[in-house]
Amino acid sequence: MDTLVRSVLVLLTIGVALSISPDAALAYGGPGSVISGIGTLLAAIAAVLAALFGFVWFPLKRLYAKLTDDPTEEEEVA
């Protein structure tokens, strides 16, 4: 019984591994589609970098402005 369960598990594991392994893509990627794909990838990278820049730079800029606030400027206005 133990041998039967073990062989079923081995066959099931092999079947799952073969079913999720990628197959060869038998398709032609023309120059236009490849350039579009590269442009999309570069745009996605630029969007991530811009988002990181926005989340990091502007709070640091606000903190720097708060820390270096010049008190003499307020006295001159008043």
PDB file of N, CA and C in Angstrom:
ATOM      1  N   MET A   1       0.825  -1.192   0.000  1.00  0.00           N
ATOM      2  CA  MET A   1       0.000   0.000   0.000  1.00  0.00           C
ATOM      3  C   MET A   1       0.866   1.252   0.000  1.00  0.00           C
ATOM      4  N   ASP A   2       1.921   1.238   0.802  1.00  0.00           N
ATOM      5  CA  ASP A   2       2.805   2.390   0.884  1.00  0.00           C
ATOM      6  C   ASP A   2       3.490   2.643  -0.454  1.00  0.00           C
ATOM      7  N   THR A   3       3.838   1.564  -1.164  1.00  0.00           N
ATOM      8  CA  THR A   3       4.487   1.692  -2.465  1.00  0.00           C
ATOM      9  C   THR A   3       3.513   2.284  -3.484  1.00  0.00           C
ATOM     10  N   LEU A   4       2.264   1.894  -3.409  1.00  0.00           N
ATOM     11  CA  LEU A   4       1.252   2.410  -4.336  1.00  0.00           C
ATOM     12  C   LEU A   4       1.038   3.910  -4.119  1.00  0.00           C
ATOM     13  N   VAL A   5       0.948   4.336  -2.879  1.00  0.00           N
ATOM     14  CA  VAL A   5       0.749   5.747  -2.573  1.00  0.00           C
ATOM     15  C   VAL A   5       1.953   6.561  -3.018  1.00  0.00           C
ATOM     16  N   ARG A   6       3.144   6.021  -2.776  1.00  0.00           N
ATOM     17  CA  ARG A   6       4.361   6.720  -3.172  1.00  0.00           C
ATOM     18  C   ARG A   6       4.449   6.869  -4.689  1.00  0.00           C
ATOM     19  N   SER A   7       4.123   5.795  -5.446  1.00  0.00           N
ATOM     20  CA  SER A   7       4.195   5.900  -6.899  1.00  0.00           C
ATOM     21  C   SER A   7       3.122   6.837  -7.454  1.00  0.00           C
ATOM     22  N   VAL A   8       1.954   6.886  -6.840  1.00  0.00           N
ATOM     23  CA  VAL A   8       0.927   7.825  -7.286  1.00  0.00           C
ATOM     24  C   VAL A   8       1.385   9.262  -7.030  1.00  0.00           C
ATOM     25  N   LEU A   9       1.988   9.505  -5.869  1.00  0.00           N
ATOM     26  CA  LEU A   9       2.486  10.843  -5.580  1.00  0.00           C
ATOM     27  C   LEU A   9       3.608  11.255  -6.529  1.00  0.00           C
ATOM     28  N   VAL A  10       4.486  10.336  -6.879  1.00  0.00           N
ATOM     29  CA  VAL A  10       5.560  10.640  -7.827  1.00  0.00           C
ATOM     30  C   VAL A  10       4.976  10.960  -9.195  1.00  0.00           C
ATOM     31  N   LEU A  11       4.036  10.166  -9.656  1.00  0.00           N
ATOM     32  CA  LEU A  11       3.409  10.431 -10.956  1.00  0.00           C
ATOM     33  C   LEU A  11       2.633  11.743 -10.949  1.00  0.00           C
ATOM     34  N   LEU A  12       1.959  12.030  -9.853  1.00  0.00           N
ATOM     35  CA  LEU A  12       1.229  13.291  -9.745  1.00  0.00           C
ATOM     36  C   LEU A  12       2.180  14.477  -9.755  1.00  0.00           C
ATOM     37  N   THR A  13       3.301  14.356  -9.057  1.00  0.00           N
ATOM     38  CA  THR A  13       4.297  15.430  -9.036  1.00  0.00           C
ATOM     39  C   THR A  13       4.888  15.650 -10.421  1.00  0.00           C
ATOM     40  N   ILE A  14       5.208  14.584 -11.116  1.00  0.00           N
ATOM     41  CA  ILE A  14       5.748  14.709 -12.473  1.00  0.00           C
ATOM     42  C   ILE A  14       4.710  15.327 -13.401  1.00  0.00           C
ATOM     43  N   GLY A  15       3.460  14.927 -13.261  1.00  0.00           N
ATOM     44  CA  GLY A  15       2.398  15.478 -14.102  1.00  0.00           C
ATOM     45  C   GLY A  15       2.195  16.966 -13.875  1.00  0.00           C
ATOM     46  N   VAL A  16       2.222  17.395 -12.605  1.00  0.00           N
ATOM     47  CA  VAL A  16       2.062  18.817 -12.289  1.00  0.00           C
ATOM     48  C   VAL A  16       3.260  19.612 -12.816  1.00  0.00           C
ATOM     49  N   ALA A  17       4.466  19.070 -12.638  1.00  0.00           N
ATOM     50  CA  ALA A  17       5.663  19.766 -13.107  1.00  0.00           C
ATOM     51  C   ALA A  17       5.655  19.925 -14.625  1.00  0.00           C
ATOM     52  N   LEU A  18       5.216  18.900 -15.334  1.00  0.00           N
ATOM     53  CA  LEU A  18       5.161  18.999 -16.790  1.00  0.00           C
ATOM     54  C   LEU A  18       4.038  19.916 -17.268  1.00  0.00           C
ATOM     55  N   SER A  19       2.956  19.982 -16.526  1.00  0.00           N
ATOM     56  CA  SER A  19       1.834  20.820 -16.972  1.00  0.00           C
ATOM     57  C   SER A  19       2.088  22.304 -16.732  1.00  0.00           C
ATOM     58  N   ILE A  20       2.926  22.659 -15.747  1.00  0.00           N
ATOM     59  CA  ILE A  20       3.178  24.078 -15.500  1.00  0.00           C
ATOM     60  C   ILE A  20       4.472  24.566 -16.135  1.00  0.00           C
ATOM     61  N   SER A  21       5.238  23.662 -16.747  1.00  0.00           N
ATOM     62  CA  SER A  21       6.467  24.092 -17.401  1.00  0.00           C
ATOM     63  C   SER A  21       6.102  24.842 -18.689  1.00  0.00           C
ATOM     64  N   PRO A  22       6.854  25.885 -19.015  1.00  0.00           N
ATOM     65  CA  PRO A  22       6.515  26.676 -20.193  1.00  0.00           C
ATOM     66  C   PRO A  22       6.817  25.918 -21.482  1.00  0.00           C
ATOM     67  N   ASP A  23       5.968  26.120 -22.459  1.00  0.00           N
ATOM     68  CA  ASP A  23       6.190  25.545 -23.786  1.00  0.00           C
ATOM     69  C   ASP A  23       6.870  26.581 -24.663  1.00  0.00           C
ATOM     70  N   ALA A  24       7.399  26.129 -25.753  1.00  0.00           N
ATOM     71  CA  ALA A  24       8.022  27.048 -26.700  1.00  0.00           C
ATOM     72  C   ALA A  24       6.936  27.873 -27.386  1.00  0.00           C
ATOM     73  N   ALA A  25       7.176  29.165 -27.491  1.00  0.00           N
ATOM     74  CA  ALA A  25       6.229  30.033 -28.176  1.00  0.00           C
ATOM     75  C   ALA A  25       6.581  30.025 -29.659  1.00  0.00           C
ATOM     76  N   LEU A  26       5.768  29.359 -30.436  1.00  0.00           N
ATOM     77  CA  LEU A  26       6.022  29.251 -31.863  1.00  0.00           C
ATOM     78  C   LEU A  26       5.339  30.416 -32.577  1.00  0.00           C
ATOM     79  N   ALA A  27       5.851  31.604 -32.346  1.00  0.00           N
ATOM     80  CA  ALA A  27       5.257  32.799 -32.938  1.00  0.00           C
ATOM     81  C   ALA A  27       6.382  33.710 -33.392  1.00  0.00           C
ATOM     82  N   TYR A  28       6.062  34.555 -34.333  1.00  0.00           N
ATOM     83  CA  TYR A  28       7.036  35.505 -34.856  1.00  0.00           C
ATOM     84  C   TYR A  28       6.764  36.870 -34.251  1.00  0.00           C
ATOM     85  N   GLY A  29       7.770  37.457 -33.666  1.00  0.00           N
ATOM     86  CA  GLY A  29       7.653  38.808 -33.147  1.00  0.00           C
ATOM     87  C   GLY A  29       8.261  39.762 -34.156  1.00  0.00           C
ATOM     88  N   GLY A  30       7.424  40.456 -34.850  1.00  0.00           N
ATOM     89  CA  GLY A  30       7.917  41.397 -35.851  1.00  0.00           C
ATOM     90  C   GLY A  30       8.611  42.582 -35.215  1.00  0.00           C
ATOM     91  N   PRO A  31       9.293  43.383 -36.015  1.00  0.00           N
ATOM     92  CA  PRO A  31      10.039  44.510 -35.463  1.00  0.00           C
ATOM     93  C   PRO A  31       9.142  45.528 -34.756  1.00  0.00           C
ATOM     94  N   GLY A  32       7.953  45.747 -35.251  1.00  0.00           N
ATOM     95  CA  GLY A  32       7.046  46.709 -34.628  1.00  0.00           C
ATOM     96  C   GLY A  32       6.576  46.258 -33.264  1.00  0.00           C
ATOM     97  N   SER A  33       6.260  44.985 -33.137  1.00  0.00           N
ATOM     98  CA  SER A  33       5.782  44.495 -31.840  1.00  0.00           C
ATOM     99  C   SER A  33       6.912  44.444 -30.818  1.00  0.00           C
ATOM    100  N   VAL A  34       8.116  44.139 -31.263  1.00  0.00           N
ATOM    101  CA  VAL A  34       9.245  44.096 -30.333  1.00  0.00           C
ATOM    102  C   VAL A  34       9.584  45.505 -29.856  1.00  0.00           C
ATOM    103  N   ILE A  35       9.580  46.470 -30.738  1.00  0.00           N
ATOM    104  CA  ILE A  35       9.864  47.852 -30.343  1.00  0.00           C
ATOM    105  C   ILE A  35       8.777  48.370 -29.405  1.00  0.00           C
ATOM    106  N   SER A  36       7.528  48.001 -29.680  1.00  0.00           N
ATOM    107  CA  SER A  36       6.436  48.399 -28.785  1.00  0.00           C
ATOM    108  C   SER A  36       6.590  47.776 -27.407  1.00  0.00           C
ATOM    109  N   GLY A  37       7.001  46.522 -27.359  1.00  0.00           N
ATOM    110  CA  GLY A  37       7.231  45.867 -26.081  1.00  0.00           C
ATOM    111  C   GLY A  37       8.358  46.510 -25.297  1.00  0.00           C
ATOM    112  N   ILE A  38       9.435  46.865 -25.978  1.00  0.00           N
ATOM    113  CA  ILE A  38      10.549  47.541 -25.317  1.00  0.00           C
ATOM    114  C   ILE A  38      10.107  48.908 -24.815  1.00  0.00           C
ATOM    115  N   GLY A  39       9.334  49.635 -25.620  1.00  0.00           N
ATOM    116  CA  GLY A  39       8.832  50.943 -25.191  1.00  0.00           C
ATOM    117  C   GLY A  39       7.917  50.835 -23.991  1.00  0.00           C
ATOM    118  N   THR A  40       7.085  49.809 -23.956  1.00  0.00           N
ATOM    119  CA  THR A  40       6.202  49.593 -22.817  1.00  0.00           C
ATOM    120  C   THR A  40       6.999  49.284 -21.558  1.00  0.00           C
ATOM    121  N   LEU A  41       8.029  48.468 -21.697  1.00  0.00           N
ATOM    122  CA  LEU A  41       8.877  48.138 -20.554  1.00  0.00           C
ATOM    123  C   LEU A  41       9.591  49.382 -20.025  1.00  0.00           C
ATOM    124  N   LEU A  42      10.123  50.195 -20.919  1.00  0.00           N
ATOM    125  CA  LEU A  42      10.803  51.422 -20.487  1.00  0.00           C
ATOM    126  C   LEU A  42       9.831  52.406 -19.834  1.00  0.00           C
ATOM    127  N   ALA A  43       8.613  52.488 -20.355  1.00  0.00           N
ATOM    128  CA  ALA A  43       7.610  53.373 -19.753  1.00  0.00           C
ATOM    129  C   ALA A  43       7.211  52.888 -18.360  1.00  0.00           C
ATOM    130  N   ALA A  44       7.110  51.588 -18.175  1.00  0.00           N
ATOM    131  CA  ALA A  44       6.763  51.047 -16.858  1.00  0.00           C
ATOM    132  C   ALA A  44       7.890  51.321 -15.857  1.00  0.00           C
ATOM    133  N   ILE A  45       9.135  51.175 -16.289  1.00  0.00           N
ATOM    134  CA  ILE A  45      10.269  51.468 -15.410  1.00  0.00           C
ATOM    135  C   ILE A  45      10.295  52.949 -15.056  1.00  0.00           C
ATOM    136  N   ALA A  46      10.042  53.821 -16.037  1.00  0.00           N
ATOM    137  CA  ALA A  46      10.014  55.263 -15.767  1.00  0.00           C
ATOM    138  C   ALA A  46       8.889  55.628 -14.804  1.00  0.00           C
ATOM    139  N   ALA A  47       7.747  54.970 -14.924  1.00  0.00           N
ATOM    140  CA  ALA A  47       6.629  55.244 -14.022  1.00  0.00           C
ATOM    141  C   ALA A  47       6.959  54.834 -12.595  1.00  0.00           C
ATOM    142  N   VAL A  48       7.618  53.701 -12.425  1.00  0.00           N
ATOM    143  CA  VAL A  48       8.002  53.258 -11.083  1.00  0.00           C
ATOM    144  C   VAL A  48       9.021  54.219 -10.490  1.00  0.00           C
ATOM    145  N   LEU A  49       9.999  54.638 -11.283  1.00  0.00           N
ATOM    146  CA  LEU A  49      11.000  55.578 -10.787  1.00  0.00           C
ATOM    147  C   LEU A  49      10.383  56.932 -10.437  1.00  0.00           C
ATOM    148  N   ALA A  50       9.429  57.397 -11.246  1.00  0.00           N
ATOM    149  CA  ALA A  50       8.764  58.668 -10.951  1.00  0.00           C
ATOM    150  C   ALA A  50       7.944  58.569  -9.668  1.00  0.00           C
ATOM    151  N   ALA A  51       7.298  57.439  -9.470  1.00  0.00           N
ATOM    152  CA  ALA A  51       6.523  57.253  -8.234  1.00  0.00           C
ATOM    153  C   ALA A  51       7.443  57.223  -7.019  1.00  0.00           C
ATOM    154  N   LEU A  52       8.558  56.518  -7.128  1.00  0.00           N
ATOM    155  CA  LEU A  52       9.511  56.494  -6.014  1.00  0.00           C
ATOM    156  C   LEU A  52      10.075  57.881  -5.748  1.00  0.00           C
ATOM    157  N   PHE A  53      10.368  58.619  -6.805  1.00  0.00           N
ATOM    158  CA  PHE A  53      10.870  59.979  -6.660  1.00  0.00           C
ATOM    159  C   PHE A  53       9.848  60.848  -5.931  1.00  0.00           C
ATOM    160  N   GLY A  54       8.589  60.733  -6.306  1.00  0.00           N
ATOM    161  CA  GLY A  54       7.544  61.524  -5.671  1.00  0.00           C
ATOM    162  C   GLY A  54       7.340  61.173  -4.212  1.00  0.00           C
ATOM    163  N   PHE A  55       7.419  59.887  -3.896  1.00  0.00           N
ATOM    164  CA  PHE A  55       7.217  59.459  -2.516  1.00  0.00           C
ATOM    165  C   PHE A  55       8.408  59.761  -1.622  1.00  0.00           C
ATOM    166  N   VAL A  56       9.587  59.945  -2.208  1.00  0.00           N
ATOM    167  CA  VAL A  56      10.780  60.192  -1.404  1.00  0.00           C
ATOM    168  C   VAL A  56      11.158  61.669  -1.408  1.00  0.00           C
ATOM    169  N   TRP A  57      11.193  62.296  -2.574  1.00  0.00           N
ATOM    170  CA  TRP A  57      11.722  63.645  -2.698  1.00  0.00           C
ATOM    171  C   TRP A  57      10.847  64.697  -2.022  1.00  0.00           C
ATOM    172  N   PHE A  58       9.562  64.698  -2.273  1.00  0.00           N
ATOM    173  CA  PHE A  58       8.712  65.767  -1.771  1.00  0.00           C
ATOM    174  C   PHE A  58       8.559  65.765  -0.244  1.00  0.00           C
ATOM    175  N   PRO A  59       8.433  64.617   0.422  1.00  0.00           N
ATOM    176  CA  PRO A  59       8.445  64.665   1.894  1.00  0.00           C
ATOM    177  C   PRO A  59       9.790  65.134   2.452  1.00  0.00           C
ATOM    178  N   LEU A  60      10.893  64.731   1.814  1.00  0.00           N
ATOM    179  CA  LEU A  60      12.193  65.210   2.270  1.00  0.00           C
ATOM    180  C   LEU A  60      12.339  66.714   2.052  1.00  0.00           C
ATOM    181  N   LYS A  61      11.803  67.209   0.956  1.00  0.00           N
ATOM    182  CA  LYS A  61      11.845  68.638   0.670  1.00  0.00           C
ATOM    183  C   LYS A  61      11.043  69.417   1.718  1.00  0.00           C
ATOM    184  N   ARG A  62       9.880  68.897   2.085  1.00  0.00           N
ATOM    185  CA  ARG A  62       9.052  69.541   3.097  1.00  0.00           C
ATOM    186  C   ARG A  62       9.739  69.510   4.468  1.00  0.00           C
ATOM    187  N   LEU A  63      10.374  68.385   4.802  1.00  0.00           N
ATOM    188  CA  LEU A  63      11.095  68.271   6.059  1.00  0.00           C
ATOM    189  C   LEU A  63      12.274  69.233   6.093  1.00  0.00           C
ATOM    190  N   TYR A  64      12.994  69.356   4.989  1.00  0.00           N
ATOM    191  CA  TYR A  64      14.125  70.277   4.924  1.00  0.00           C
ATOM    192  C   TYR A  64      13.650  71.722   5.094  1.00  0.00           C
ATOM    193  N   ALA A  65      12.531  72.067   4.484  1.00  0.00           N
ATOM    194  CA  ALA A  65      11.996  73.424   4.624  1.00  0.00           C
ATOM    195  C   ALA A  65      11.578  73.694   6.069  1.00  0.00           C
ATOM    196  N   LYS A  66      11.043  72.675   6.732  1.00  0.00           N
ATOM    197  CA  LYS A  66      10.631  72.838   8.125  1.00  0.00           C
ATOM    198  C   LYS A  66      11.840  73.008   9.054  1.00  0.00           C
ATOM    199  N   LEU A  67      12.901  72.260   8.777  1.00  0.00           N
ATOM    200  CA  LEU A  67      14.084  72.311   9.628  1.00  0.00           C
ATOM    201  C   LEU A  67      14.907  73.579   9.421  1.00  0.00           C
ATOM    202  N   THR A  68      14.874  74.142   8.234  1.00  0.00           N
ATOM    203  CA  THR A  68      15.695  75.321   7.944  1.00  0.00           C
ATOM    204  C   THR A  68      14.856  76.582   7.852  1.00  0.00           C
ATOM    205  N   ASP A  69      13.755  76.612   8.561  1.00  0.00           N
ATOM    206  CA  ASP A  69      12.893  77.791   8.540  1.00  0.00           C
ATOM    207  C   ASP A  69      13.636  78.968   9.169  1.00  0.00           C
ATOM    208  N   ASP A  70      13.655  80.105   8.482  1.00  0.00           N
ATOM    209  CA  ASP A  70      14.391  81.278   8.941  1.00  0.00           C
ATOM    210  C   ASP A  70      13.471  82.131   9.824  1.00  0.00           C
ATOM    211  N   PRO A  71      13.742  82.252  11.131  1.00  0.00           N
ATOM    212  CA  PRO A  71      12.847  83.005  12.017  1.00  0.00           C
ATOM    213  C   PRO A  71      12.951  84.523  11.800  1.00  0.00           C
ATOM    214  N   THR A  72      14.037  85.016  11.244  1.00  0.00           N
ATOM    215  CA  THR A  72      14.156  86.466  11.044  1.00  0.00           C
ATOM    216  C   THR A  72      13.188  86.959   9.991  1.00  0.00           C
ATOM    217  N   GLU A  73      12.814  86.107   9.078  1.00  0.00           N
ATOM    218  CA  GLU A  73      11.888  86.505   8.033  1.00  0.00           C
ATOM    219  C   GLU A  73      10.517  86.813   8.623  1.00  0.00           C
ATOM    220  N   GLU A  74      10.079  86.066   9.613  1.00  0.00           N
ATOM    221  CA  GLU A  74       8.784  86.310  10.264  1.00  0.00           C
ATOM    222  C   GLU A  74       8.826  87.623  11.074  1.00  0.00           C
ATOM    223  N   GLU A  75       9.963  87.905  11.684  1.00  0.00           N
ATOM    224  CA  GLU A  75      10.069  89.146  12.482  1.00  0.00           C
ATOM    225  C   GLU A  75      10.035  90.378  11.580  1.00  0.00           C
ATOM    226  N   GLU A  76      10.595  90.273  10.395  1.00  0.00           N
ATOM    227  CA  GLU A  76      10.599  91.391   9.471  1.00  0.00           C
ATOM    228  C   GLU A  76       9.182  91.667   8.944  1.00  0.00           C
ATOM    229  N   VAL A  77       8.388  90.633   8.753  1.00  0.00           N
ATOM    230  CA  VAL A  77       7.036  90.803   8.254  1.00  0.00           C
ATOM    231  C   VAL A  77       6.171  91.449   9.315  1.00  0.00           C
ATOM    232  N   ALA A  78       6.334  91.045  10.559  1.00  0.00           N
ATOM    233  CA  ALA A  78       5.510  91.561  11.634  1.00  0.00           C
ATOM    234  C   ALA A  78       6.017  92.927  12.014  1.00  0.00           C
TER     235      ALA A  78
END
